[in-house]
Amino acid sequence: MRGKQVYPEVAVGTFVINGRGELLLVRSWKWPNLYGVPGGHVELGESIAQTAVRETMEEVGLKVKFKHIINMQEAIFPKTFKEKRHFIFIDVMCTTSGGKVKMDGVEIESFVWIKPRAALRLRLNTYTRRAVNDIVNNRKLKTD
């Protein structure tokens, strides 16, 4: 653990769809043996959209365009995460017009492009599964 956590951490999960309608899923040592998505913590002064763009570039080398927020989820000490943490996840939809995935060599171990409905057959972490279900069912968070 990085130290005692005082407050929940706000993190953005970036659900990237390519021009073929495929979703990018990644594996990370932080969620052992489970697929998730690129993403990370919102930095001070950074918008949710900016976080999604930055984290996706840092972790998988893709330029993305923010579309909308899919959902928000609270994860209090998730059992499948590498350490005891409390997160507020903001899951967002982004698109990419192409480019090659370049894993960062730090967090991302592998990746797959897959249709969202087919992704539900994979071993996903709980929070990714909920968001993929929302994508398949065309649900998104209303922010107006």
N, C-alpha and C. Protein backbone atom coordinates (compact mmCIF):
# COMPACT_ATOMS: atom_id res chain seq x y z
N MET A 1 0.85 -1.17 0.00
CA MET A 1 0.00 0.00 0.00
C MET A 1 0.90 1.23 0.00
N ARG A 2 0.46 2.29 -0.68
CA ARG A 2 1.25 3.51 -0.79
C ARG A 2 1.27 4.32 0.49
N GLY A 3 0.57 3.93 1.47
CA GLY A 3 0.43 4.70 2.69
C GLY A 3 -1.03 4.69 3.07
N LYS A 4 -1.29 5.21 4.26
CA LYS A 4 -2.67 5.22 4.73
C LYS A 4 -3.53 6.13 3.87
N GLN A 5 -4.62 5.58 3.38
CA GLN A 5 -5.55 6.36 2.57
C GLN A 5 -6.46 7.15 3.50
N VAL A 6 -6.57 8.45 3.26
CA VAL A 6 -7.37 9.32 4.11
C VAL A 6 -8.75 9.57 3.51
N TYR A 7 -8.80 9.70 2.17
CA TYR A 7 -10.05 9.97 1.46
C TYR A 7 -10.19 8.99 0.30
N PRO A 8 -11.44 8.78 -0.18
CA PRO A 8 -11.58 7.98 -1.40
C PRO A 8 -10.83 8.64 -2.56
N GLU A 9 -10.32 7.84 -3.47
CA GLU A 9 -9.61 8.34 -4.63
C GLU A 9 -10.55 8.38 -5.83
N VAL A 10 -10.56 9.51 -6.55
CA VAL A 10 -11.36 9.63 -7.76
C VAL A 10 -10.51 9.15 -8.93
N ALA A 11 -11.02 8.17 -9.65
CA ALA A 11 -10.29 7.59 -10.78
C ALA A 11 -11.22 7.49 -11.99
N VAL A 12 -10.64 7.67 -13.16
CA VAL A 12 -11.38 7.58 -14.42
C VAL A 12 -11.03 6.26 -15.10
N GLY A 13 -12.05 5.52 -15.52
CA GLY A 13 -11.87 4.32 -16.35
C GLY A 13 -12.24 4.68 -17.77
N THR A 14 -11.31 4.48 -18.71
CA THR A 14 -11.53 4.90 -20.09
C THR A 14 -11.89 3.71 -20.97
N PHE A 15 -13.12 3.70 -21.44
CA PHE A 15 -13.63 2.66 -22.33
C PHE A 15 -13.46 3.18 -23.75
N VAL A 16 -12.46 2.63 -24.45
CA VAL A 16 -12.08 3.10 -25.78
C VAL A 16 -12.71 2.20 -26.83
N ILE A 17 -13.43 2.81 -27.76
CA ILE A 17 -14.03 2.10 -28.89
C ILE A 17 -13.31 2.53 -30.17
N ASN A 18 -12.93 1.53 -30.99
CA ASN A 18 -12.28 1.87 -32.26
C ASN A 18 -13.31 1.95 -33.39
N GLY A 19 -12.85 2.20 -34.59
CA GLY A 19 -13.72 2.36 -35.76
C GLY A 19 -14.46 1.09 -36.16
N ARG A 20 -14.05 -0.07 -35.64
CA ARG A 20 -14.73 -1.33 -35.94
C ARG A 20 -15.74 -1.68 -34.85
N GLY A 21 -15.93 -0.77 -33.89
CA GLY A 21 -16.87 -1.02 -32.80
C GLY A 21 -16.33 -1.95 -31.73
N GLU A 22 -15.00 -2.09 -31.68
CA GLU A 22 -14.37 -2.95 -30.69
C GLU A 22 -13.92 -2.13 -29.48
N LEU A 23 -13.98 -2.76 -28.34
CA LEU A 23 -13.61 -2.16 -27.06
C LEU A 23 -12.21 -2.62 -26.68
N LEU A 24 -11.40 -1.71 -26.18
CA LEU A 24 -10.06 -2.05 -25.71
C LEU A 24 -10.13 -2.48 -24.25
N LEU A 25 -9.70 -3.70 -23.99
CA LEU A 25 -9.58 -4.20 -22.62
C LEU A 25 -8.11 -4.50 -22.35
N VAL A 26 -7.69 -4.26 -21.11
CA VAL A 26 -6.29 -4.47 -20.74
C VAL A 26 -6.20 -5.32 -19.48
N ARG A 27 -5.04 -5.94 -19.32
CA ARG A 27 -4.74 -6.64 -18.07
C ARG A 27 -3.62 -5.89 -17.37
N SER A 28 -3.76 -5.79 -16.06
CA SER A 28 -2.79 -5.09 -15.23
C SER A 28 -2.54 -5.90 -13.97
N TRP A 29 -1.33 -5.81 -13.44
CA TRP A 29 -1.00 -6.49 -12.19
C TRP A 29 -1.85 -5.98 -11.03
N LYS A 30 -2.48 -4.80 -11.20
CA LYS A 30 -3.31 -4.24 -10.13
C LYS A 30 -4.61 -5.04 -9.93
N TRP A 31 -5.08 -5.68 -11.00
CA TRP A 31 -6.29 -6.52 -10.96
C TRP A 31 -5.88 -7.89 -11.51
N PRO A 32 -5.18 -8.70 -10.75
CA PRO A 32 -4.60 -9.95 -11.26
C PRO A 32 -5.61 -10.87 -11.96
N ASN A 33 -5.21 -11.31 -13.15
CA ASN A 33 -5.98 -12.27 -13.96
C ASN A 33 -7.35 -11.78 -14.38
N LEU A 34 -7.57 -10.48 -14.37
CA LEU A 34 -8.85 -9.91 -14.78
C LEU A 34 -8.61 -8.79 -15.79
N TYR A 35 -9.55 -8.65 -16.72
CA TYR A 35 -9.48 -7.54 -17.66
C TYR A 35 -10.12 -6.30 -17.06
N GLY A 36 -9.58 -5.16 -17.44
CA GLY A 36 -10.12 -3.86 -17.07
C GLY A 36 -9.90 -2.91 -18.24
N VAL A 37 -9.78 -1.64 -17.93
CA VAL A 37 -9.57 -0.62 -18.96
C VAL A 37 -8.46 0.33 -18.51
N PRO A 38 -7.88 1.07 -19.46
CA PRO A 38 -6.90 2.08 -19.06
C PRO A 38 -7.58 3.14 -18.19
N GLY A 39 -6.80 3.76 -17.35
CA GLY A 39 -7.37 4.83 -16.53
C GLY A 39 -6.50 5.14 -15.35
N GLY A 40 -6.95 6.10 -14.57
CA GLY A 40 -6.18 6.47 -13.40
C GLY A 40 -6.76 7.65 -12.68
N HIS A 41 -6.00 8.17 -11.77
CA HIS A 41 -6.46 9.22 -10.87
C HIS A 41 -6.58 10.58 -11.55
N VAL A 42 -7.61 11.31 -11.15
CA VAL A 42 -7.80 12.68 -11.60
C VAL A 42 -6.79 13.54 -10.85
N GLU A 43 -6.02 14.31 -11.59
CA GLU A 43 -5.05 15.20 -10.97
C GLU A 43 -5.71 16.54 -10.65
N LEU A 44 -5.18 17.23 -9.67
CA LEU A 44 -5.71 18.53 -9.26
C LEU A 44 -5.74 19.48 -10.45
N GLY A 45 -6.90 20.08 -10.70
CA GLY A 45 -7.08 21.02 -11.80
C GLY A 45 -7.37 20.38 -13.14
N GLU A 46 -7.48 19.07 -13.18
CA GLU A 46 -7.70 18.33 -14.43
C GLU A 46 -9.15 17.89 -14.51
N SER A 47 -9.76 18.04 -15.68
CA SER A 47 -11.14 17.58 -15.87
C SER A 47 -11.17 16.07 -16.06
N ILE A 48 -12.36 15.51 -15.95
CA ILE A 48 -12.54 14.07 -16.19
C ILE A 48 -12.12 13.72 -17.61
N ALA A 49 -12.53 14.53 -18.58
CA ALA A 49 -12.16 14.28 -19.98
C ALA A 49 -10.64 14.34 -20.16
N GLN A 50 -10.00 15.33 -19.55
CA GLN A 50 -8.54 15.45 -19.66
C GLN A 50 -7.84 14.24 -19.04
N THR A 51 -8.37 13.77 -17.93
CA THR A 51 -7.79 12.58 -17.28
C THR A 51 -7.87 11.38 -18.21
N ALA A 52 -9.03 11.18 -18.84
CA ALA A 52 -9.20 10.04 -19.75
C ALA A 52 -8.20 10.10 -20.90
N VAL A 53 -8.05 11.27 -21.49
CA VAL A 53 -7.12 11.44 -22.61
C VAL A 53 -5.67 11.20 -22.15
N ARG A 54 -5.28 11.79 -21.04
CA ARG A 54 -3.91 11.66 -20.54
C ARG A 54 -3.58 10.21 -20.15
N GLU A 55 -4.45 9.60 -19.35
CA GLU A 55 -4.18 8.24 -18.87
C GLU A 55 -4.12 7.24 -20.02
N THR A 56 -5.00 7.39 -21.00
CA THR A 56 -4.99 6.47 -22.13
C THR A 56 -3.70 6.60 -22.93
N MET A 57 -3.25 7.83 -23.13
CA MET A 57 -1.97 8.04 -23.84
C MET A 57 -0.82 7.46 -23.02
N GLU A 58 -0.81 7.71 -21.71
CA GLU A 58 0.29 7.20 -20.88
C GLU A 58 0.33 5.67 -20.84
N GLU A 59 -0.82 5.04 -20.71
CA GLU A 59 -0.84 3.59 -20.49
C GLU A 59 -0.81 2.77 -21.76
N VAL A 60 -1.47 3.24 -22.84
CA VAL A 60 -1.53 2.42 -24.06
C VAL A 60 -1.15 3.18 -25.33
N GLY A 61 -0.73 4.44 -25.20
CA GLY A 61 -0.22 5.18 -26.35
C GLY A 61 -1.25 5.55 -27.40
N LEU A 62 -2.53 5.57 -27.04
CA LEU A 62 -3.57 5.92 -28.01
C LEU A 62 -4.11 7.32 -27.79
N LYS A 63 -4.32 8.03 -28.89
CA LYS A 63 -5.03 9.31 -28.82
C LYS A 63 -6.51 9.00 -28.84
N VAL A 64 -7.24 9.58 -27.91
CA VAL A 64 -8.68 9.33 -27.83
C VAL A 64 -9.44 10.65 -27.77
N LYS A 65 -10.72 10.54 -28.10
CA LYS A 65 -11.63 11.68 -28.01
C LYS A 65 -12.72 11.32 -27.00
N PHE A 66 -12.87 12.16 -25.99
CA PHE A 66 -13.90 11.97 -24.97
C PHE A 66 -15.29 12.12 -25.58
N LYS A 67 -16.20 11.20 -25.24
CA LYS A 67 -17.58 11.26 -25.74
C LYS A 67 -18.57 11.57 -24.62
N HIS A 68 -18.62 10.73 -23.59
CA HIS A 68 -19.56 10.95 -22.50
C HIS A 68 -19.21 10.08 -21.29
N ILE A 69 -19.86 10.39 -20.18
CA ILE A 69 -19.71 9.58 -18.98
C ILE A 69 -20.69 8.41 -19.08
N ILE A 70 -20.20 7.22 -18.82
CA ILE A 70 -21.04 6.02 -18.85
C ILE A 70 -21.75 5.86 -17.50
N ASN A 71 -20.96 5.90 -16.43
CA ASN A 71 -21.53 5.72 -15.09
C ASN A 71 -20.53 6.17 -14.04
N MET A 72 -20.97 6.12 -12.80
CA MET A 72 -20.08 6.33 -11.65
C MET A 72 -20.31 5.16 -10.71
N GLN A 73 -19.21 4.64 -10.15
CA GLN A 73 -19.30 3.50 -9.26
C GLN A 73 -18.40 3.74 -8.04
N GLU A 74 -18.83 3.21 -6.93
CA GLU A 74 -18.02 3.28 -5.74
C GLU A 74 -17.45 1.90 -5.45
N ALA A 75 -16.16 1.83 -5.21
CA ALA A 75 -15.49 0.57 -4.89
C ALA A 75 -14.82 0.73 -3.53
N ILE A 76 -15.41 0.12 -2.54
CA ILE A 76 -14.86 0.20 -1.18
C ILE A 76 -14.12 -1.09 -0.89
N PHE A 77 -12.81 -1.00 -0.85
CA PHE A 77 -11.93 -2.13 -0.58
C PHE A 77 -12.25 -3.35 -1.46
N PRO A 78 -12.19 -3.18 -2.80
CA PRO A 78 -12.49 -4.32 -3.68
C PRO A 78 -11.53 -5.48 -3.43
N LYS A 79 -12.09 -6.66 -3.29
CA LYS A 79 -11.30 -7.86 -2.96
C LYS A 79 -10.32 -8.25 -4.07
N THR A 80 -10.64 -7.92 -5.31
CA THR A 80 -9.78 -8.33 -6.42
C THR A 80 -8.72 -7.29 -6.77
N PHE A 81 -8.68 -6.17 -6.06
CA PHE A 81 -7.64 -5.16 -6.30
C PHE A 81 -6.42 -5.51 -5.47
N LYS A 82 -5.25 -5.08 -5.91
CA LYS A 82 -3.98 -5.47 -5.29
C LYS A 82 -3.80 -4.99 -3.86
N GLU A 83 -4.50 -3.95 -3.46
CA GLU A 83 -4.37 -3.42 -2.12
C GLU A 83 -5.70 -2.86 -1.63
N LYS A 84 -5.78 -2.60 -0.36
CA LYS A 84 -7.01 -2.10 0.24
C LYS A 84 -7.15 -0.61 -0.07
N ARG A 85 -8.09 -0.27 -0.95
CA ARG A 85 -8.32 1.11 -1.37
C ARG A 85 -9.82 1.37 -1.48
N HIS A 86 -10.17 2.64 -1.43
CA HIS A 86 -11.55 3.08 -1.62
C HIS A 86 -11.51 4.03 -2.81
N PHE A 87 -12.27 3.67 -3.88
CA PHE A 87 -12.29 4.45 -5.12
C PHE A 87 -13.68 4.98 -5.41
N ILE A 88 -13.72 6.10 -6.09
CA ILE A 88 -14.90 6.57 -6.80
C ILE A 88 -14.50 6.50 -8.27
N PHE A 89 -15.08 5.55 -9.00
CA PHE A 89 -14.76 5.38 -10.42
C PHE A 89 -15.74 6.18 -11.27
N ILE A 90 -15.21 6.94 -12.19
CA ILE A 90 -16.02 7.62 -13.19
C ILE A 90 -15.63 6.97 -14.52
N ASP A 91 -16.55 6.18 -15.07
CA ASP A 91 -16.28 5.46 -16.32
C ASP A 91 -16.75 6.30 -17.50
N VAL A 92 -15.87 6.45 -18.49
CA VAL A 92 -16.16 7.30 -19.63
C VAL A 92 -15.98 6.56 -20.95
N MET A 93 -16.73 7.01 -21.95
CA MET A 93 -16.62 6.48 -23.30
C MET A 93 -15.75 7.42 -24.11
N CYS A 94 -14.78 6.83 -24.81
CA CYS A 94 -13.92 7.58 -25.71
C CYS A 94 -13.82 6.81 -27.02
N THR A 95 -13.46 7.53 -28.07
CA THR A 95 -13.23 6.88 -29.35
C THR A 95 -11.79 7.12 -29.77
N THR A 96 -11.30 6.23 -30.63
CA THR A 96 -10.00 6.42 -31.23
C THR A 96 -10.14 6.16 -32.72
N SER A 97 -9.43 6.96 -33.50
CA SER A 97 -9.51 6.79 -34.95
C SER A 97 -8.41 5.87 -35.46
N GLY A 98 -7.67 5.31 -34.58
CA GLY A 98 -6.63 4.38 -35.01
C GLY A 98 -5.39 4.53 -34.18
N GLY A 99 -4.37 3.93 -34.65
CA GLY A 99 -3.12 3.94 -33.91
C GLY A 99 -2.86 2.57 -33.32
N LYS A 100 -1.63 2.35 -32.98
CA LYS A 100 -1.21 1.07 -32.44
C LYS A 100 -1.12 1.17 -30.93
N VAL A 101 -1.62 0.17 -30.25
CA VAL A 101 -1.51 0.12 -28.79
C VAL A 101 -0.04 -0.09 -28.43
N LYS A 102 0.45 0.77 -27.54
CA LYS A 102 1.82 0.67 -27.05
C LYS A 102 1.74 0.57 -25.54
N MET A 103 1.83 -0.63 -25.03
CA MET A 103 1.73 -0.84 -23.58
C MET A 103 2.85 -0.10 -22.86
N ASP A 104 2.52 0.48 -21.72
CA ASP A 104 3.47 1.31 -20.99
C ASP A 104 4.61 0.53 -20.34
N GLY A 105 4.49 -0.78 -20.22
CA GLY A 105 5.53 -1.58 -19.60
C GLY A 105 5.59 -1.45 -18.09
N VAL A 106 4.64 -0.72 -17.53
CA VAL A 106 4.60 -0.52 -16.09
C VAL A 106 3.32 -1.12 -15.52
N GLU A 107 2.18 -0.65 -15.99
CA GLU A 107 0.89 -1.12 -15.48
C GLU A 107 0.23 -2.14 -16.40
N ILE A 108 0.32 -1.93 -17.70
CA ILE A 108 -0.41 -2.76 -18.66
C ILE A 108 0.44 -3.95 -19.09
N GLU A 109 -0.11 -5.15 -18.92
CA GLU A 109 0.60 -6.39 -19.25
C GLU A 109 0.19 -6.96 -20.60
N SER A 110 -1.08 -6.79 -20.96
CA SER A 110 -1.58 -7.29 -22.24
C SER A 110 -2.87 -6.54 -22.57
N PHE A 111 -3.34 -6.72 -23.81
CA PHE A 111 -4.58 -6.06 -24.23
C PHE A 111 -5.29 -6.90 -25.28
N VAL A 112 -6.55 -6.57 -25.49
CA VAL A 112 -7.35 -7.20 -26.53
C VAL A 112 -8.39 -6.20 -27.02
N TRP A 113 -8.66 -6.22 -28.32
CA TRP A 113 -9.79 -5.48 -28.89
C TRP A 113 -10.91 -6.49 -29.07
N ILE A 114 -12.10 -6.17 -28.60
CA ILE A 114 -13.21 -7.13 -28.63
C ILE A 114 -14.54 -6.39 -28.67
N LYS A 115 -15.53 -6.98 -29.32
CA LYS A 115 -16.87 -6.38 -29.33
C LYS A 115 -17.42 -6.37 -27.90
N PRO A 116 -18.11 -5.31 -27.51
CA PRO A 116 -18.59 -5.21 -26.13
C PRO A 116 -19.40 -6.42 -25.65
N ARG A 117 -20.32 -6.92 -26.45
CA ARG A 117 -21.12 -8.07 -26.01
C ARG A 117 -20.23 -9.30 -25.78
N ALA A 118 -19.26 -9.51 -26.65
CA ALA A 118 -18.33 -10.64 -26.49
C ALA A 118 -17.44 -10.44 -25.27
N ALA A 119 -17.16 -9.20 -24.91
CA ALA A 119 -16.32 -8.91 -23.75
C ALA A 119 -16.93 -9.47 -22.46
N LEU A 120 -18.24 -9.57 -22.43
CA LEU A 120 -18.92 -10.07 -21.23
C LEU A 120 -18.60 -11.54 -20.95
N ARG A 121 -18.02 -12.25 -21.94
CA ARG A 121 -17.63 -13.65 -21.73
C ARG A 121 -16.23 -13.77 -21.12
N LEU A 122 -15.51 -12.65 -21.04
CA LEU A 122 -14.16 -12.67 -20.47
C LEU A 122 -14.20 -12.48 -18.96
N ARG A 123 -13.07 -12.74 -18.32
CA ARG A 123 -12.93 -12.50 -16.87
C ARG A 123 -12.63 -11.02 -16.68
N LEU A 124 -13.67 -10.27 -16.34
CA LEU A 124 -13.56 -8.83 -16.14
C LEU A 124 -13.61 -8.53 -14.65
N ASN A 125 -12.96 -7.44 -14.23
CA ASN A 125 -13.19 -7.03 -12.86
C ASN A 125 -14.63 -6.54 -12.75
N THR A 126 -15.16 -6.57 -11.56
CA THR A 126 -16.59 -6.27 -11.32
C THR A 126 -17.01 -4.93 -11.91
N TYR A 127 -16.17 -3.93 -11.77
CA TYR A 127 -16.53 -2.57 -12.17
C TYR A 127 -16.48 -2.41 -13.69
N THR A 128 -15.55 -3.08 -14.33
CA THR A 128 -15.52 -3.10 -15.79
C THR A 128 -16.74 -3.83 -16.33
N ARG A 129 -17.11 -4.94 -15.71
CA ARG A 129 -18.29 -5.70 -16.15
C ARG A 129 -19.54 -4.83 -16.10
N ARG A 130 -19.73 -4.08 -15.01
CA ARG A 130 -20.91 -3.20 -14.91
C ARG A 130 -20.93 -2.17 -16.02
N ALA A 131 -19.79 -1.57 -16.30
CA ALA A 131 -19.73 -0.55 -17.34
C ALA A 131 -19.95 -1.16 -18.73
N VAL A 132 -19.38 -2.33 -18.99
CA VAL A 132 -19.61 -2.99 -20.29
C VAL A 132 -21.10 -3.32 -20.44
N ASN A 133 -21.74 -3.76 -19.38
CA ASN A 133 -23.19 -3.99 -19.44
C ASN A 133 -23.92 -2.70 -19.79
N ASP A 134 -23.50 -1.58 -19.20
CA ASP A 134 -24.12 -0.30 -19.53
C ASP A 134 -23.90 0.06 -20.99
N ILE A 135 -22.71 -0.22 -21.52
CA ILE A 135 -22.43 0.06 -22.93
C ILE A 135 -23.32 -0.80 -23.82
N VAL A 136 -23.38 -2.09 -23.54
CA VAL A 136 -24.19 -3.02 -24.34
C VAL A 136 -25.66 -2.60 -24.33
N ASN A 137 -26.13 -2.10 -23.19
CA ASN A 137 -27.52 -1.69 -23.05
C ASN A 137 -27.75 -0.21 -23.36
N ASN A 138 -26.70 0.44 -23.92
CA ASN A 138 -26.77 1.84 -24.36
C ASN A 138 -27.20 2.80 -23.25
N ARG A 139 -26.72 2.53 -22.03
CA ARG A 139 -27.01 3.43 -20.91
C ARG A 139 -25.83 4.37 -20.71
N LYS A 140 -26.15 5.61 -20.38
CA LYS A 140 -25.10 6.56 -20.01
C LYS A 140 -25.64 7.49 -18.96
N LEU A 141 -24.74 8.04 -18.20
CA LEU A 141 -25.11 8.93 -17.11
C LEU A 141 -25.63 10.24 -17.66
N LYS A 142 -26.75 10.68 -17.16
CA LYS A 142 -27.29 11.97 -17.57
C LYS A 142 -26.63 13.03 -16.72
N THR A 143 -26.00 14.00 -17.37
CA THR A 143 -25.27 15.03 -16.64
C THR A 143 -25.89 16.41 -16.80
N ASP A 144 -27.03 16.54 -17.47
CA ASP A 144 -27.66 17.87 -17.59
C ASP A 144 -28.73 18.03 -16.57
